[in-house]
Amino acid sequence: NQYVYCDSKGFVWISSLDGLNRFDGVRVITYRPEWPGQKVVENMITGDFYEDTESNIWFGTMNFIGCYLREKDSIALYTILDKGENTK
C-alpha cells in the first residue's frame, strides 16, 4: 500500500518501495530510513501519517515507528520493545 499526506507546510509525503518521498511542488526528495540489519522494504510505511505540534511527521513501519524530524531534515526510527525484552 502507498500512503499520501499533505502536511501543514504544504509538502506532500508519499510512501513508496524506495522510501519516504517529500514533494514540494517542484521536486521530490526521497528519505530512506535504515536500521542496521534491516532492508529498506522492511521499513515501509504501514499506516497513516501523523503531524505533531512541532510539525514533525510520524509514521509506522513494519518494524519501527518513524519520525521525520523537521529541524534536522532527517528520519529517526524507534523500536517497540516486547514486554519480555531487557531494556538496559
N, C-alpha and C. Protein backbone atom coordinates (compact mmCIF):
# COMPACT_ATOMS: atom_id res chain seq x y z
N ASN A 1 0.83 -1.19 0.00
CA ASN A 1 0.00 0.00 0.00
C ASN A 1 0.86 1.25 0.00
N GLN A 2 0.35 2.29 -0.62
CA GLN A 2 1.01 3.57 -0.58
C GLN A 2 0.12 4.54 0.19
N TYR A 3 0.76 5.43 0.91
CA TYR A 3 0.03 6.42 1.68
C TYR A 3 0.49 7.80 1.28
N VAL A 4 -0.42 8.75 1.29
CA VAL A 4 -0.14 10.12 0.90
C VAL A 4 -0.64 11.04 2.00
N TYR A 5 0.16 12.08 2.31
CA TYR A 5 -0.22 13.03 3.35
C TYR A 5 0.26 14.42 2.96
N CYS A 6 -0.56 15.43 3.11
CA CYS A 6 -0.17 16.82 2.89
C CYS A 6 -0.02 17.47 4.26
N ASP A 7 1.20 17.95 4.56
CA ASP A 7 1.45 18.50 5.90
C ASP A 7 1.11 19.98 5.99
N SER A 8 1.28 20.56 7.18
CA SER A 8 0.91 21.95 7.44
C SER A 8 1.80 22.95 6.70
N LYS A 9 2.94 22.50 6.18
CA LYS A 9 3.85 23.38 5.44
C LYS A 9 3.61 23.29 3.93
N GLY A 10 2.67 22.44 3.50
CA GLY A 10 2.35 22.31 2.09
C GLY A 10 3.10 21.21 1.37
N PHE A 11 3.96 20.46 2.08
CA PHE A 11 4.67 19.35 1.46
C PHE A 11 3.73 18.14 1.34
N VAL A 12 3.90 17.39 0.28
CA VAL A 12 3.15 16.16 0.10
C VAL A 12 4.10 15.00 0.37
N TRP A 13 3.72 14.11 1.28
CA TRP A 13 4.52 12.95 1.67
C TRP A 13 3.90 11.71 1.05
N ILE A 14 4.73 10.90 0.39
CA ILE A 14 4.25 9.71 -0.29
C ILE A 14 5.14 8.54 0.09
N SER A 15 4.54 7.48 0.59
CA SER A 15 5.32 6.27 0.88
C SER A 15 5.52 5.51 -0.43
N SER A 16 6.65 4.82 -0.54
CA SER A 16 6.92 4.01 -1.74
C SER A 16 7.85 2.87 -1.37
N LEU A 17 8.08 1.97 -2.30
CA LEU A 17 9.03 0.89 -2.06
C LEU A 17 10.46 1.39 -1.98
N ASP A 18 10.69 2.63 -2.42
CA ASP A 18 12.03 3.21 -2.41
C ASP A 18 12.30 4.04 -1.16
N GLY A 19 11.29 4.29 -0.35
CA GLY A 19 11.46 5.10 0.86
C GLY A 19 10.30 6.06 1.04
N LEU A 20 10.54 7.09 1.81
CA LEU A 20 9.54 8.13 2.08
C LEU A 20 9.88 9.32 1.20
N ASN A 21 8.92 9.75 0.39
CA ASN A 21 9.15 10.82 -0.58
C ASN A 21 8.44 12.09 -0.16
N ARG A 22 9.16 13.22 -0.27
CA ARG A 22 8.58 14.53 0.03
C ARG A 22 8.57 15.36 -1.24
N PHE A 23 7.38 15.79 -1.65
CA PHE A 23 7.21 16.60 -2.85
C PHE A 23 6.89 18.02 -2.44
N ASP A 24 7.66 18.99 -2.95
CA ASP A 24 7.45 20.39 -2.58
C ASP A 24 6.74 21.20 -3.66
N GLY A 25 6.23 20.52 -4.68
CA GLY A 25 5.57 21.19 -5.78
C GLY A 25 6.46 21.30 -7.01
N VAL A 26 7.78 21.10 -6.80
CA VAL A 26 8.74 21.16 -7.90
C VAL A 26 9.58 19.90 -7.98
N ARG A 27 10.11 19.48 -6.82
CA ARG A 27 10.99 18.31 -6.82
C ARG A 27 10.62 17.35 -5.70
N VAL A 28 11.14 16.14 -5.85
CA VAL A 28 10.90 15.09 -4.87
C VAL A 28 12.22 14.76 -4.18
N ILE A 29 12.19 14.69 -2.86
CA ILE A 29 13.33 14.23 -2.07
C ILE A 29 12.93 12.90 -1.45
N THR A 30 13.78 11.89 -1.60
CA THR A 30 13.49 10.58 -1.04
C THR A 30 14.33 10.34 0.20
N TYR A 31 13.68 9.99 1.28
CA TYR A 31 14.34 9.63 2.54
C TYR A 31 14.28 8.12 2.65
N ARG A 32 15.41 7.51 2.92
CA ARG A 32 15.47 6.05 3.04
C ARG A 32 15.87 5.69 4.47
N PRO A 33 14.87 5.58 5.35
CA PRO A 33 15.20 5.23 6.73
C PRO A 33 15.84 3.85 6.80
N GLU A 34 16.97 3.76 7.46
CA GLU A 34 17.65 2.47 7.58
C GLU A 34 17.99 2.20 9.04
N TRP A 35 17.90 0.95 9.39
CA TRP A 35 18.25 0.46 10.71
C TRP A 35 19.21 -0.69 10.46
N PRO A 36 20.29 -0.77 11.21
CA PRO A 36 21.26 -1.85 10.96
C PRO A 36 20.58 -3.22 10.88
N GLY A 37 20.90 -3.96 9.81
CA GLY A 37 20.37 -5.30 9.64
C GLY A 37 19.00 -5.37 8.99
N GLN A 38 18.40 -4.23 8.67
CA GLN A 38 17.08 -4.20 8.07
C GLN A 38 17.18 -3.69 6.63
N LYS A 39 16.33 -4.20 5.78
CA LYS A 39 16.24 -3.71 4.41
C LYS A 39 15.25 -2.55 4.37
N VAL A 40 15.42 -1.66 3.41
CA VAL A 40 14.51 -0.52 3.29
C VAL A 40 13.07 -0.99 3.17
N VAL A 41 12.83 -2.04 2.40
CA VAL A 41 11.46 -2.51 2.19
C VAL A 41 10.81 -2.95 3.51
N GLU A 42 11.61 -3.41 4.49
CA GLU A 42 11.06 -3.80 5.79
C GLU A 42 10.62 -2.58 6.59
N ASN A 43 11.09 -1.41 6.17
CA ASN A 43 10.77 -0.17 6.88
C ASN A 43 9.68 0.63 6.18
N MET A 44 8.96 -0.01 5.27
CA MET A 44 7.92 0.70 4.53
C MET A 44 6.77 1.09 5.45
N ILE A 45 6.17 2.20 5.14
CA ILE A 45 5.07 2.72 5.93
C ILE A 45 3.86 1.80 5.83
N THR A 46 3.27 1.52 6.98
CA THR A 46 2.15 0.58 7.03
C THR A 46 0.85 1.23 7.52
N GLY A 47 0.85 2.53 7.63
CA GLY A 47 -0.36 3.20 8.09
C GLY A 47 -0.29 4.69 7.81
N ASP A 48 -1.22 5.41 8.38
CA ASP A 48 -1.34 6.83 8.13
C ASP A 48 -0.20 7.62 8.77
N PHE A 49 -0.07 8.86 8.34
CA PHE A 49 0.89 9.80 8.89
C PHE A 49 0.23 10.59 10.03
N TYR A 50 1.05 11.13 10.91
CA TYR A 50 0.57 11.99 11.98
C TYR A 50 1.56 13.14 12.11
N GLU A 51 1.06 14.37 12.19
CA GLU A 51 1.93 15.54 12.36
C GLU A 51 1.78 16.07 13.77
N ASP A 52 2.91 16.22 14.48
CA ASP A 52 2.84 16.70 15.86
C ASP A 52 2.88 18.23 15.91
N THR A 53 2.86 18.80 17.10
CA THR A 53 2.80 20.25 17.28
C THR A 53 4.07 20.96 16.83
N GLU A 54 5.17 20.21 16.64
CA GLU A 54 6.41 20.80 16.15
C GLU A 54 6.58 20.55 14.65
N SER A 55 5.52 20.11 14.00
CA SER A 55 5.49 19.82 12.56
C SER A 55 6.35 18.64 12.15
N ASN A 56 6.72 17.78 13.10
CA ASN A 56 7.40 16.54 12.76
C ASN A 56 6.35 15.56 12.23
N ILE A 57 6.75 14.71 11.31
CA ILE A 57 5.83 13.77 10.68
C ILE A 57 6.12 12.36 11.20
N TRP A 58 5.14 11.76 11.86
CA TRP A 58 5.26 10.42 12.42
C TRP A 58 4.58 9.40 11.52
N PHE A 59 5.14 8.19 11.47
CA PHE A 59 4.56 7.13 10.65
C PHE A 59 4.98 5.78 11.21
N GLY A 60 4.20 4.76 10.92
CA GLY A 60 4.52 3.41 11.35
C GLY A 60 5.10 2.62 10.19
N THR A 61 6.02 1.71 10.50
CA THR A 61 6.57 0.81 9.50
C THR A 61 6.30 -0.61 9.98
N MET A 62 6.76 -1.58 9.21
CA MET A 62 6.56 -2.98 9.59
C MET A 62 7.29 -3.32 10.89
N ASN A 63 8.40 -2.65 11.16
CA ASN A 63 9.23 -3.00 12.32
C ASN A 63 9.51 -1.84 13.27
N PHE A 64 9.17 -0.62 12.89
CA PHE A 64 9.57 0.54 13.68
C PHE A 64 8.49 1.61 13.66
N ILE A 65 8.65 2.59 14.54
CA ILE A 65 7.93 3.84 14.44
C ILE A 65 8.93 4.85 13.92
N GLY A 66 8.56 5.57 12.88
CA GLY A 66 9.48 6.53 12.28
C GLY A 66 8.99 7.95 12.49
N CYS A 67 9.94 8.87 12.43
CA CYS A 67 9.61 10.28 12.57
C CYS A 67 10.52 11.10 11.67
N TYR A 68 9.93 11.92 10.83
CA TYR A 68 10.70 12.91 10.08
C TYR A 68 10.88 14.09 11.00
N LEU A 69 12.13 14.35 11.39
CA LEU A 69 12.46 15.46 12.28
C LEU A 69 12.72 16.69 11.42
N ARG A 70 11.77 17.60 11.42
CA ARG A 70 11.84 18.74 10.52
C ARG A 70 13.07 19.61 10.75
N GLU A 71 13.44 19.87 12.01
CA GLU A 71 14.60 20.72 12.29
C GLU A 71 15.91 20.11 11.78
N LYS A 72 15.98 18.78 11.77
CA LYS A 72 17.20 18.09 11.33
C LYS A 72 17.12 17.61 9.89
N ASP A 73 15.94 17.71 9.28
CA ASP A 73 15.70 17.20 7.93
C ASP A 73 16.20 15.76 7.80
N SER A 74 15.78 14.95 8.75
CA SER A 74 16.21 13.55 8.75
C SER A 74 15.13 12.67 9.38
N ILE A 75 15.30 11.38 9.18
CA ILE A 75 14.37 10.39 9.72
C ILE A 75 15.00 9.72 10.94
N ALA A 76 14.22 9.59 12.00
CA ALA A 76 14.63 8.82 13.17
C ALA A 76 13.69 7.61 13.26
N LEU A 77 14.26 6.46 13.62
CA LEU A 77 13.46 5.25 13.79
C LEU A 77 13.53 4.81 15.25
N TYR A 78 12.40 4.35 15.75
CA TYR A 78 12.30 3.91 17.14
C TYR A 78 11.72 2.49 17.15
N THR A 79 12.28 1.65 18.01
CA THR A 79 11.77 0.29 18.12
C THR A 79 10.75 0.22 19.25
N ILE A 80 9.92 -0.80 19.18
CA ILE A 80 8.98 -1.08 20.25
C ILE A 80 9.46 -2.37 20.90
N LEU A 81 9.78 -2.30 22.18
CA LEU A 81 10.29 -3.47 22.89
C LEU A 81 9.14 -4.34 23.35
N ASP A 82 9.33 -5.64 23.24
CA ASP A 82 8.38 -6.58 23.82
C ASP A 82 8.50 -6.52 25.33
N LYS A 83 7.44 -6.87 26.03
CA LYS A 83 7.45 -6.83 27.50
C LYS A 83 8.57 -7.69 28.07
N GLY A 84 8.91 -8.76 27.39
CA GLY A 84 9.94 -9.68 27.90
C GLY A 84 11.36 -9.26 27.58
N GLU A 85 11.55 -8.20 26.79
CA GLU A 85 12.90 -7.79 26.43
C GLU A 85 13.53 -6.96 27.53
N ASN A 86 14.83 -7.10 27.64
CA ASN A 86 15.61 -6.33 28.60
C ASN A 86 15.80 -4.92 28.04
N THR A 87 15.46 -3.90 28.80
CA THR A 87 15.54 -2.52 28.33
C THR A 87 16.86 -1.85 28.71
N LYS A 88 17.80 -2.58 29.29
CA LYS A 88 19.09 -1.98 29.68
C LYS A 88 20.03 -1.91 28.53
